[in-house]
Amino acid sequence: MPKIKSKKGVRKRFKVTARGKVKAARAGKSHLLTGKSRARKRALRGKNVIEGARARMIRKGLQ
């Protein structure tokens, strides 16, 4: 039986921590940055922890 391939798009966008939490970059940092405040852009730098059913789906795509 062949190995299960991971979804390449999921692998590029998400990271699973050692404790199994799913991390992702925050949305809204790619364009139209001149209209956003410095504080807002700073807040977008950090990672976002995804929980619940979405995290389970992402982990399944990373198998």
PDB file of N, CA and C in Angstrom:
ATOM      1  N   MET A   1       0.842  -1.189   0.000  1.00  0.00           N
ATOM      2  CA  MET A   1       0.000   0.000   0.000  1.00  0.00           C
ATOM      3  C   MET A   1       0.884   1.248   0.000  1.00  0.00           C
ATOM      4  N   PRO A   2       0.616   2.217  -0.897  1.00  0.00           N
ATOM      5  CA  PRO A   2       1.477   3.408  -0.952  1.00  0.00           C
ATOM      6  C   PRO A   2       1.247   4.335   0.237  1.00  0.00           C
ATOM      7  N   LYS A   3       2.247   5.179   0.477  1.00  0.00           N
ATOM      8  CA  LYS A   3       2.141   6.158   1.562  1.00  0.00           C
ATOM      9  C   LYS A   3       1.100   7.210   1.206  1.00  0.00           C
ATOM     10  N   ILE A   4       0.497   7.800   2.228  1.00  0.00           N
ATOM     11  CA  ILE A   4      -0.455   8.883   2.013  1.00  0.00           C
ATOM     12  C   ILE A   4       0.341  10.163   1.789  1.00  0.00           C
ATOM     13  N   LYS A   5       0.049  10.857   0.692  1.00  0.00           N
ATOM     14  CA  LYS A   5       0.759  12.104   0.398  1.00  0.00           C
ATOM     15  C   LYS A   5       0.096  13.252   1.147  1.00  0.00           C
ATOM     16  N   SER A   6       0.927  14.186   1.609  1.00  0.00           N
ATOM     17  CA  SER A   6       0.378  15.373   2.272  1.00  0.00           C
ATOM     18  C   SER A   6      -0.048  16.371   1.203  1.00  0.00           C
ATOM     19  N   LYS A   7      -1.023  17.228   1.546  1.00  0.00           N
ATOM     20  CA  LYS A   7      -1.473  18.265   0.626  1.00  0.00           C
ATOM     21  C   LYS A   7      -0.426  19.361   0.603  1.00  0.00           C
ATOM     22  N   LYS A   8       0.139  19.639  -0.575  1.00  0.00           N
ATOM     23  CA  LYS A   8       1.255  20.578  -0.683  1.00  0.00           C
ATOM     24  C   LYS A   8       0.854  21.988  -0.254  1.00  0.00           C
ATOM     25  N   GLY A   9      -0.356  22.422  -0.595  1.00  0.00           N
ATOM     26  CA  GLY A   9      -0.806  23.761  -0.217  1.00  0.00           C
ATOM     27  C   GLY A   9      -0.926  23.922   1.284  1.00  0.00           C
ATOM     28  N   VAL A  10      -1.384  22.877   1.951  1.00  0.00           N
ATOM     29  CA  VAL A  10      -1.521  22.892   3.409  1.00  0.00           C
ATOM     30  C   VAL A  10      -0.132  22.906   4.042  1.00  0.00           C
ATOM     31  N   ARG A  11       0.766  22.129   3.479  1.00  0.00           N
ATOM     32  CA  ARG A  11       2.121  22.040   4.023  1.00  0.00           C
ATOM     33  C   ARG A  11       2.847  23.388   3.962  1.00  0.00           C
ATOM     34  N   LYS A  12       2.570  24.184   2.916  1.00  0.00           N
ATOM     35  CA  LYS A  12       3.219  25.481   2.774  1.00  0.00           C
ATOM     36  C   LYS A  12       2.640  26.532   3.714  1.00  0.00           C
ATOM     37  N   ARG A  13       1.375  26.407   4.065  1.00  0.00           N
ATOM     38  CA  ARG A  13       0.687  27.462   4.813  1.00  0.00           C
ATOM     39  C   ARG A  13       0.637  27.260   6.316  1.00  0.00           C
ATOM     40  N   PHE A  14       0.732  26.024   6.771  1.00  0.00           N
ATOM     41  CA  PHE A  14       0.528  25.733   8.189  1.00  0.00           C
ATOM     42  C   PHE A  14       1.704  24.981   8.777  1.00  0.00           C
ATOM     43  N   LYS A  15       1.854  25.106  10.104  1.00  0.00           N
ATOM     44  CA  LYS A  15       2.904  24.403  10.826  1.00  0.00           C
ATOM     45  C   LYS A  15       2.293  23.827  12.098  1.00  0.00           C
ATOM     46  N   VAL A  16       2.634  22.596  12.417  1.00  0.00           N
ATOM     47  CA  VAL A  16       2.143  21.972  13.641  1.00  0.00           C
ATOM     48  C   VAL A  16       3.256  22.032  14.675  1.00  0.00           C
ATOM     49  N   THR A  17       2.929  22.520  15.860  1.00  0.00           N
ATOM     50  CA  THR A  17       3.914  22.633  16.934  1.00  0.00           C
ATOM     51  C   THR A  17       4.159  21.266  17.566  1.00  0.00           C
ATOM     52  N   ALA A  18       5.124  21.206  18.470  1.00  0.00           N
ATOM     53  CA  ALA A  18       5.463  19.943  19.141  1.00  0.00           C
ATOM     54  C   ALA A  18       4.299  19.410  19.962  1.00  0.00           C
ATOM     55  N   ARG A  19       3.455  20.306  20.470  1.00  0.00           N
ATOM     56  CA  ARG A  19       2.300  19.879  21.269  1.00  0.00           C
ATOM     57  C   ARG A  19       1.055  19.635  20.426  1.00  0.00           C
ATOM     58  N   GLY A  20       1.177  19.777  19.099  1.00  0.00           N
ATOM     59  CA  GLY A  20       0.069  19.458  18.213  1.00  0.00           C
ATOM     60  C   GLY A  20      -0.827  20.625  17.840  1.00  0.00           C
ATOM     61  N   LYS A  21      -0.478  21.844  18.260  1.00  0.00           N
ATOM     62  CA  LYS A  21      -1.271  23.006  17.871  1.00  0.00           C
ATOM     63  C   LYS A  21      -0.929  23.389  16.435  1.00  0.00           C
ATOM     64  N   VAL A  22      -1.881  23.982  15.740  1.00  0.00           N
ATOM     65  CA  VAL A  22      -1.676  24.384  14.350  1.00  0.00           C
ATOM     66  C   VAL A  22      -1.476  25.892  14.301  1.00  0.00           C
ATOM     67  N   LYS A  23      -0.366  26.322  13.662  1.00  0.00           N
ATOM     68  CA  LYS A  23      -0.058  27.741  13.540  1.00  0.00           C
ATOM     69  C   LYS A  23      -0.160  28.158  12.079  1.00  0.00           C
ATOM     70  N   ALA A  24      -0.611  29.405  11.853  1.00  0.00           N
ATOM     71  CA  ALA A  24      -0.698  29.943  10.501  1.00  0.00           C
ATOM     72  C   ALA A  24      -0.439  31.437  10.552  1.00  0.00           C
ATOM     73  N   ALA A  25       0.010  31.986   9.434  1.00  0.00           N
ATOM     74  CA  ALA A  25       0.219  33.433   9.342  1.00  0.00           C
ATOM     75  C   ALA A  25      -1.141  34.124   9.303  1.00  0.00           C
ATOM     76  N   ARG A  26      -1.187  35.344   9.808  1.00  0.00           N
ATOM     77  CA  ARG A  26      -2.436  36.100   9.800  1.00  0.00           C
ATOM     78  C   ARG A  26      -2.713  36.652   8.407  1.00  0.00           C
ATOM     79  N   ALA A  27      -3.975  36.743   8.067  1.00  0.00           N
ATOM     80  CA  ALA A  27      -4.374  37.253   6.751  1.00  0.00           C
ATOM     81  C   ALA A  27      -4.288  38.762   6.735  1.00  0.00           C
ATOM     82  N   GLY A  28      -4.071  39.348   5.539  1.00  0.00           N
ATOM     83  CA  GLY A  28      -4.128  40.793   5.374  1.00  0.00           C
ATOM     84  C   GLY A  28      -2.791  41.486   5.390  1.00  0.00           C
ATOM     85  N   LYS A  29      -1.684  40.751   5.154  1.00  0.00           N
ATOM     86  CA  LYS A  29      -0.359  41.366   5.211  1.00  0.00           C
ATOM     87  C   LYS A  29       0.311  41.382   3.836  1.00  0.00           C
ATOM     88  N   SER A  30      -0.441  41.118   2.774  1.00  0.00           N
ATOM     89  CA  SER A  30       0.209  40.991   1.465  1.00  0.00           C
ATOM     90  C   SER A  30       0.135  42.251   0.608  1.00  0.00           C
ATOM     91  N   HIS A  31      -0.938  43.021   0.697  1.00  0.00           N
ATOM     92  CA  HIS A  31      -1.035  44.224  -0.137  1.00  0.00           C
ATOM     93  C   HIS A  31      -1.930  45.245   0.551  1.00  0.00           C
ATOM     94  N   LEU A  32      -2.019  46.447  -0.035  1.00  0.00           N
ATOM     95  CA  LEU A  32      -2.793  47.573   0.515  1.00  0.00           C
ATOM     96  C   LEU A  32      -2.328  47.934   1.925  1.00  0.00           C
ATOM     97  N   LEU A  33      -1.008  47.904   2.137  1.00  0.00           N
ATOM     98  CA  LEU A  33      -0.463  48.137   3.465  1.00  0.00           C
ATOM     99  C   LEU A  33      -0.396  49.615   3.834  1.00  0.00           C
ATOM    100  N   THR A  34      -0.438  50.509   2.840  1.00  0.00           N
ATOM    101  CA  THR A  34      -0.353  51.943   3.150  1.00  0.00           C
ATOM    102  C   THR A  34      -1.596  52.428   3.881  1.00  0.00           C
ATOM    103  N   GLY A  35      -2.709  51.778   3.679  1.00  0.00           N
ATOM    104  CA  GLY A  35      -3.945  52.184   4.336  1.00  0.00           C
ATOM    105  C   GLY A  35      -4.110  51.623   5.737  1.00  0.00           C
ATOM    106  N   LYS A  36      -3.175  50.784   6.168  1.00  0.00           N
ATOM    107  CA  LYS A  36      -3.271  50.167   7.489  1.00  0.00           C
ATOM    108  C   LYS A  36      -2.293  50.842   8.446  1.00  0.00           C
ATOM    109  N   SER A  37      -2.693  50.939   9.692  1.00  0.00           N
ATOM    110  CA  SER A  37      -1.853  51.612  10.685  1.00  0.00           C
ATOM    111  C   SER A  37      -0.632  50.755  11.031  1.00  0.00           C
ATOM    112  N   ARG A  38       0.391  51.411  11.610  1.00  0.00           N
ATOM    113  CA  ARG A  38       1.593  50.684  12.019  1.00  0.00           C
ATOM    114  C   ARG A  38       1.269  49.604  13.029  1.00  0.00           C
ATOM    115  N   ALA A  39       0.416  49.947  13.970  1.00  0.00           N
ATOM    116  CA  ALA A  39       0.061  48.983  15.014  1.00  0.00           C
ATOM    117  C   ALA A  39      -0.646  47.767  14.417  1.00  0.00           C
ATOM    118  N   ARG A  40      -1.513  48.013  13.449  1.00  0.00           N
ATOM    119  CA  ARG A  40      -2.231  46.909  12.805  1.00  0.00           C
ATOM    120  C   ARG A  40      -1.269  46.005  12.041  1.00  0.00           C
ATOM    121  N   LYS A  41      -0.298  46.609  11.326  1.00  0.00           N
ATOM    122  CA  LYS A  41       0.681  45.820  10.578  1.00  0.00           C
ATOM    123  C   LYS A  41       1.586  45.022  11.518  1.00  0.00           C
ATOM    124  N   ARG A  42       1.925  45.612  12.660  1.00  0.00           N
ATOM    125  CA  ARG A  42       2.725  44.899  13.659  1.00  0.00           C
ATOM    126  C   ARG A  42       1.967  43.697  14.193  1.00  0.00           C
ATOM    127  N   ALA A  43       0.672  43.876  14.423  1.00  0.00           N
ATOM    128  CA  ALA A  43      -0.162  42.777  14.937  1.00  0.00           C
ATOM    129  C   ALA A  43      -0.274  41.644  13.914  1.00  0.00           C
ATOM    130  N   LEU A  44      -0.200  41.972  12.628  1.00  0.00           N
ATOM    131  CA  LEU A  44      -0.306  40.956  11.580  1.00  0.00           C
ATOM    132  C   LEU A  44       0.964  40.126  11.435  1.00  0.00           C
ATOM    133  N   ARG A  45       2.064  40.569  12.050  1.00  0.00           N
ATOM    134  CA  ARG A  45       3.332  39.835  11.955  1.00  0.00           C
ATOM    135  C   ARG A  45       3.270  38.483  12.652  1.00  0.00           C
ATOM    136  N   GLY A  46       2.594  38.411  13.762  1.00  0.00           N
ATOM    137  CA  GLY A  46       2.585  37.199  14.568  1.00  0.00           C
ATOM    138  C   GLY A  46       1.841  36.048  13.924  1.00  0.00           C
ATOM    139  N   LYS A  47       1.944  34.903  14.544  1.00  0.00           N
ATOM    140  CA  LYS A  47       1.241  33.719  14.055  1.00  0.00           C
ATOM    141  C   LYS A  47      -0.090  33.574  14.779  1.00  0.00           C
ATOM    142  N   ASN A  48      -1.006  32.881  14.145  1.00  0.00           N
ATOM    143  CA  ASN A  48      -2.347  32.662  14.663  1.00  0.00           C
ATOM    144  C   ASN A  48      -2.502  31.178  14.989  1.00  0.00           C
ATOM    145  N   VAL A  49      -3.012  30.856  16.157  1.00  0.00           N
ATOM    146  CA  VAL A  49      -3.245  29.453  16.521  1.00  0.00           C
ATOM    147  C   VAL A  49      -4.664  29.080  16.104  1.00  0.00           C
ATOM    148  N   ILE A  50      -4.774  28.005  15.339  1.00  0.00           N
ATOM    149  CA  ILE A  50      -6.061  27.545  14.829  1.00  0.00           C
ATOM    150  C   ILE A  50      -6.528  26.393  15.701  1.00  0.00           C
ATOM    151  N   GLU A  51      -7.796  26.413  16.068  1.00  0.00           N
ATOM    152  CA  GLU A  51      -8.324  25.405  16.981  1.00  0.00           C
ATOM    153  C   GLU A  51      -9.572  24.744  16.406  1.00  0.00           C
ATOM    154  N   GLY A  52      -9.986  23.675  17.047  1.00  0.00           N
ATOM    155  CA  GLY A  52     -11.252  23.032  16.733  1.00  0.00           C
ATOM    156  C   GLY A  52     -11.229  22.206  15.470  1.00  0.00           C
ATOM    157  N   ALA A  53     -12.355  22.222  14.775  1.00  0.00           N
ATOM    158  CA  ALA A  53     -12.544  21.377  13.595  1.00  0.00           C
ATOM    159  C   ALA A  53     -11.588  21.756  12.468  1.00  0.00           C
ATOM    160  N   ARG A  54     -11.304  23.057  12.322  1.00  0.00           N
ATOM    161  CA  ARG A  54     -10.379  23.491  11.260  1.00  0.00           C
ATOM    162  C   ARG A  54      -8.989  22.923  11.490  1.00  0.00           C
ATOM    163  N   ALA A  55      -8.551  22.903  12.746  1.00  0.00           N
ATOM    164  CA  ALA A  55      -7.225  22.355  13.070  1.00  0.00           C
ATOM    165  C   ALA A  55      -7.174  20.868  12.757  1.00  0.00           C
ATOM    166  N   ARG A  56      -8.249  20.161  13.043  1.00  0.00           N
ATOM    167  CA  ARG A  56      -8.290  18.716  12.737  1.00  0.00           C
ATOM    168  C   ARG A  56      -8.192  18.483  11.238  1.00  0.00           C
ATOM    169  N   MET A  57      -8.885  19.311  10.451  1.00  0.00           N
ATOM    170  CA  MET A  57      -8.830  19.180   8.991  1.00  0.00           C
ATOM    171  C   MET A  57      -7.421  19.440   8.468  1.00  0.00           C
ATOM    172  N   ILE A  58      -6.765  20.447   9.015  1.00  0.00           N
ATOM    173  CA  ILE A  58      -5.421  20.801   8.579  1.00  0.00           C
ATOM    174  C   ILE A  58      -4.435  19.677   8.937  1.00  0.00           C
ATOM    175  N   ARG A  59      -4.536  19.144  10.151  1.00  0.00           N
ATOM    176  CA  ARG A  59      -3.664  18.039  10.564  1.00  0.00           C
ATOM    177  C   ARG A  59      -3.848  16.833   9.657  1.00  0.00           C
ATOM    178  N   LYS A  60      -5.082  16.590   9.246  1.00  0.00           N
ATOM    179  CA  LYS A  60      -5.360  15.466   8.348  1.00  0.00           C
ATOM    180  C   LYS A  60      -4.698  15.688   6.988  1.00  0.00           C
ATOM    181  N   GLY A  61      -4.698  16.933   6.519  1.00  0.00           N
ATOM    182  CA  GLY A  61      -4.044  17.249   5.246  1.00  0.00           C
ATOM    183  C   GLY A  61      -2.533  17.164   5.306  1.00  0.00           C
ATOM    184  N   LEU A  62      -1.973  17.236   6.498  1.00  0.00           N
ATOM    185  CA  LEU A  62      -0.521  17.181   6.677  1.00  0.00           C
ATOM    186  C   LEU A  62       0.011  15.772   6.879  1.00  0.00           C
ATOM    187  N   GLN A  63      -0.846  14.771   6.945  1.00  0.00           N
ATOM    188  CA  GLN A  63      -0.392  13.389   7.177  1.00  0.00           C
ATOM    189  C   GLN A  63       0.486  12.902   6.054  1.00  0.00           C
TER     190      GLN A  63
END
